[in-house]
Amino acid sequence: MKTKSIINVVCDENSWIEGYLSDFILKLKDLNFRVHKCNLYADMLEGYAAFFLGCTKIANVRDLNKNKFNLVVHESDLPAGKGFAPLTWQILEGKSEIPVCLIDAAEKMDSGDIYIKDFLRFEGHELCADIRKAQAEISFKMCLQFLTENPSPFAQAGEESFYVRRTARDSELSLTATLNDLFPLLRVADNKRYPAYFVKNGIKYKVLIEQDG
């Protein structure tokens, strides 16, 4: 039996967003919700809503039926920019204002109705840690807004496009490019998980970046 008091917070094991979840969970509890955090859709409880944060797989119908609402945060102007790592891809494209949508988790990837639309804005100097922090903050803000304002959904409209999954190979730096040309890639490189690197004479070198001060 679904209960309005239960909120499921689901994220992939070892996802980057796990390090930001504690404050979000406290805010959910302040709203008198019972919070169940898990890494697998199959481990969700039956409840009012499930927030899929940092999840890379699509939930099946059986799991989606456990909650009245299943929500995903996606950083693109849907239906454009469906797929993987949309925020990273758009920063690499040179965009500084990036739409963020809170959508219904449908069976088809990133195709659900939109409940809330907001924007992330960057100045161009932010590195991966800054970008991740801003991404987490707007994600939690939209989830809390959904719970407190009960917004009405609206359908996606426009031309559909997809981003492909990024791999460690996407963090390789060209030896012939200028530092200015490489800076966007350095900005989005995760120093711990997927550091930027280059290969010279068959040897791989990691390149770590951080702001001085």
Protein backbone atom coordinates (compact mmCIF):
# COMPACT_ATOMS: atom_id res chain seq x y z
CA MET A 1 0.00 0.00 0.00
CA LYS A 2 1.41 3.37 -1.04
CA THR A 3 1.76 5.93 1.72
CA LYS A 4 2.12 9.67 1.30
CA SER A 5 4.67 9.78 4.11
CA ILE A 6 7.40 7.84 2.27
CA ILE A 7 9.89 9.38 -0.14
CA ASN A 8 12.39 7.16 -1.95
CA VAL A 9 15.73 8.71 -2.87
CA VAL A 10 17.51 6.51 -5.40
CA CYS A 11 21.00 7.00 -6.80
CA ASP A 12 23.57 4.70 -8.35
CA GLU A 13 26.14 3.26 -5.98
CA ASN A 14 29.20 5.55 -5.83
CA SER A 15 27.42 8.26 -7.79
CA TRP A 16 28.94 11.74 -7.45
CA ILE A 17 25.66 13.05 -6.01
CA GLU A 18 25.81 10.80 -2.94
CA GLY A 19 28.16 13.26 -1.27
CA TYR A 20 25.46 15.96 -1.39
CA LEU A 21 22.43 13.93 -0.28
CA SER A 22 22.58 14.30 3.50
CA ASP A 23 21.33 17.90 3.59
CA PHE A 24 18.57 17.10 1.07
CA ILE A 25 17.41 14.15 3.15
CA LEU A 26 17.29 16.35 6.26
CA LYS A 27 15.10 18.85 4.42
CA LEU A 28 12.76 16.05 3.36
CA LYS A 29 12.49 14.94 6.97
CA ASP A 30 11.76 18.54 7.99
CA LEU A 31 8.71 18.25 5.71
CA ASN A 32 7.65 15.24 7.79
CA PHE A 33 8.49 12.63 5.18
CA ARG A 34 9.97 9.26 5.97
CA VAL A 35 12.99 8.97 3.67
CA HIS A 36 14.23 5.71 2.24
CA LYS A 37 17.57 5.95 0.40
CA CYS A 38 18.67 3.09 -1.83
CA ASN A 39 20.87 2.32 -4.82
CA LEU A 40 18.52 -0.03 -6.68
CA TYR A 41 14.99 0.51 -7.97
CA ALA A 42 14.10 -2.97 -6.73
CA ASP A 43 14.88 -1.87 -3.16
CA MET A 44 12.39 1.01 -3.15
CA LEU A 45 9.50 1.04 -0.73
CA GLU A 46 5.95 1.74 -1.82
CA GLY A 47 5.47 5.44 -1.24
CA TYR A 48 4.37 8.84 -2.41
CA ALA A 49 7.32 9.80 -4.59
CA ALA A 50 10.68 8.54 -5.76
CA PHE A 51 13.47 10.87 -6.83
CA PHE A 52 15.95 9.23 -9.20
CA LEU A 53 19.16 11.23 -8.76
CA GLY A 54 22.36 10.17 -10.48
CA CYS A 55 20.72 7.05 -11.91
CA THR A 56 21.97 5.75 -15.25
CA LYS A 57 19.47 2.94 -15.80
CA ILE A 58 15.76 3.07 -16.68
CA ALA A 59 13.32 1.71 -14.11
CA ASN A 60 10.86 -0.96 -15.21
CA VAL A 61 7.09 -0.67 -14.90
CA ARG A 62 6.95 -2.86 -11.80
CA ASP A 63 9.33 -0.57 -9.94
CA LEU A 64 7.67 2.61 -11.22
CA ASN A 65 4.34 1.36 -9.87
CA LYS A 66 5.70 1.40 -6.31
CA ASN A 67 5.26 5.17 -6.07
CA LYS A 68 2.59 7.64 -7.07
CA PHE A 69 5.26 9.89 -8.61
CA ASN A 70 8.66 9.04 -10.06
CA LEU A 71 10.83 12.05 -10.83
CA VAL A 72 14.09 12.61 -12.69
CA VAL A 73 16.16 15.78 -13.03
CA HIS A 74 17.54 16.29 -16.54
CA GLU A 75 19.78 19.18 -17.58
CA SER A 76 18.65 20.09 -21.08
CA ASP A 77 15.87 21.81 -22.99
CA LEU A 78 13.84 18.65 -23.47
CA PRO A 79 13.10 17.00 -25.80
CA ALA A 80 16.46 18.26 -27.10
CA GLY A 81 19.44 16.79 -25.29
CA LYS A 82 18.04 13.52 -24.02
CA GLY A 83 20.46 10.82 -22.97
CA PHE A 84 23.68 10.87 -21.00
CA ALA A 85 25.71 13.63 -19.30
CA PRO A 86 23.73 16.48 -20.90
CA LEU A 87 25.22 19.12 -18.61
CA THR A 88 28.80 18.12 -19.46
CA TRP A 89 28.11 17.98 -23.19
CA GLN A 90 26.53 21.43 -23.20
CA ILE A 91 29.40 23.00 -21.27
CA LEU A 92 31.74 21.51 -23.85
CA GLU A 93 29.54 23.11 -26.52
CA GLY A 94 30.22 26.48 -24.89
CA LYS A 95 26.81 27.04 -23.32
CA SER A 96 26.61 29.07 -20.11
CA GLU A 97 22.82 28.99 -19.54
CA ILE A 98 21.48 25.47 -19.38
CA PRO A 99 17.82 24.48 -18.86
CA VAL A 100 17.05 21.97 -16.13
CA CYS A 101 13.81 19.94 -16.13
CA LEU A 102 12.15 17.90 -13.42
CA ILE A 103 10.31 15.21 -15.36
CA ASP A 104 8.20 12.13 -14.89
CA ALA A 105 10.32 8.98 -15.08
CA ALA A 106 8.73 7.27 -18.05
CA GLU A 107 9.58 3.89 -19.57
CA LYS A 108 11.21 5.58 -22.56
CA MET A 109 14.37 7.49 -21.70
CA ASP A 110 13.81 11.16 -20.77
CA SER A 111 10.39 11.27 -22.44
CA GLY A 112 8.19 12.05 -19.45
CA ASP A 113 6.09 15.15 -18.86
CA ILE A 114 7.81 18.18 -17.36
CA TYR A 115 6.78 19.41 -13.90
CA ILE A 116 9.31 22.19 -13.36
CA LYS A 117 11.78 23.97 -15.61
CA ASP A 118 14.64 26.11 -14.30
CA PHE A 119 18.10 27.19 -15.42
CA LEU A 120 21.72 26.74 -14.43
CA ARG A 121 23.96 29.69 -15.23
CA PHE A 122 27.74 29.59 -15.34
CA GLU A 123 30.34 32.30 -15.84
CA GLY A 124 32.91 30.09 -17.53
CA HIS A 125 35.50 29.69 -14.76
CA GLU A 126 33.75 26.95 -12.79
CA LEU A 127 35.49 23.58 -12.55
CA CYS A 128 33.94 20.14 -12.04
CA ALA A 129 33.42 20.50 -8.29
CA ASP A 130 31.65 23.85 -8.75
CA ILE A 131 29.52 22.46 -11.56
CA ARG A 132 28.54 19.39 -9.55
CA LYS A 133 27.63 21.51 -6.52
CA ALA A 134 25.39 23.75 -8.63
CA GLN A 135 23.83 20.70 -10.28
CA ALA A 136 23.05 19.11 -6.92
CA GLU A 137 21.62 22.33 -5.48
CA ILE A 138 19.20 22.94 -8.33
CA SER A 139 18.18 19.26 -8.35
CA PHE A 140 17.25 19.33 -4.67
CA LYS A 141 15.55 22.71 -5.04
CA MET A 142 13.29 21.36 -7.79
CA CYS A 143 12.47 18.18 -5.87
CA LEU A 144 11.47 20.17 -2.79
CA GLN A 145 9.48 22.57 -4.96
CA PHE A 146 7.57 19.62 -6.40
CA LEU A 147 6.61 18.47 -2.91
CA THR A 148 5.60 21.89 -1.60
CA GLU A 149 3.93 23.42 -4.66
CA ASN A 150 2.34 20.42 -6.42
CA PRO A 151 2.99 21.76 -9.96
CA SER A 152 0.97 20.60 -12.96
CA PRO A 153 2.87 18.66 -15.64
CA PHE A 154 3.11 19.66 -19.28
CA ALA A 155 4.19 17.63 -22.30
CA GLN A 156 7.54 17.98 -24.02
CA ALA A 157 7.40 19.75 -27.36
CA GLY A 158 9.95 20.26 -30.10
CA GLU A 159 12.66 18.36 -31.92
CA GLU A 160 14.22 15.39 -30.14
CA SER A 161 17.97 14.83 -29.91
CA PHE A 162 20.27 12.61 -27.83
CA TYR A 163 23.64 12.77 -26.13
CA VAL A 164 25.74 9.60 -25.95
CA ARG A 165 27.26 8.12 -22.82
CA ARG A 166 30.68 9.57 -21.91
CA THR A 167 33.63 7.31 -21.12
CA ALA A 168 37.12 7.86 -19.73
CA ARG A 169 38.33 8.17 -23.33
CA ASP A 170 36.38 11.43 -23.64
CA SER A 171 38.80 13.04 -21.15
CA GLU A 172 41.82 12.65 -23.42
CA LEU A 173 43.62 15.90 -24.24
CA SER A 174 45.04 16.64 -27.66
CA LEU A 175 48.78 17.32 -27.73
CA THR A 176 48.37 19.82 -30.54
CA ALA A 177 45.49 21.88 -29.15
CA THR A 178 46.05 25.14 -27.30
CA LEU A 179 45.43 25.40 -23.57
CA ASN A 180 42.57 27.80 -24.34
CA ASP A 181 40.98 25.17 -26.58
CA LEU A 182 41.45 22.48 -23.94
CA PHE A 183 40.07 24.51 -21.05
CA PRO A 184 36.39 23.44 -21.51
CA LEU A 185 37.44 19.79 -21.28
CA LEU A 186 39.61 20.53 -18.24
CA ARG A 187 36.64 22.27 -16.60
CA VAL A 188 34.41 19.20 -16.73
CA ALA A 189 37.11 16.65 -15.94
CA ASP A 190 36.66 14.92 -12.59
CA ASN A 191 40.11 14.82 -10.97
CA LYS A 192 39.24 11.68 -8.99
CA ARG A 193 36.91 9.67 -11.21
CA TYR A 194 37.72 10.69 -14.79
CA PRO A 195 40.79 12.95 -14.79
CA ALA A 196 41.95 14.60 -17.97
CA TYR A 197 44.98 12.94 -19.52
CA PHE A 198 47.21 12.82 -22.55
CA VAL A 199 49.34 10.11 -24.12
CA LYS A 200 52.88 10.78 -25.32
CA ASN A 201 55.31 8.16 -26.57
CA GLY A 202 52.99 5.45 -25.38
CA ILE A 203 52.87 6.77 -21.82
CA LYS A 204 49.67 8.07 -20.25
CA TYR A 205 49.87 11.22 -18.10
CA LYS A 206 47.07 12.49 -15.87
CA VAL A 207 46.38 16.22 -15.77
CA LEU A 208 44.69 17.53 -12.62
CA ILE A 209 43.25 21.05 -12.41
CA GLU A 210 42.19 23.20 -9.48
CA GLN A 211 41.79 26.89 -8.81
CA ASP A 212 44.55 28.64 -6.88
CA GLY A 213 42.84 30.25 -3.92
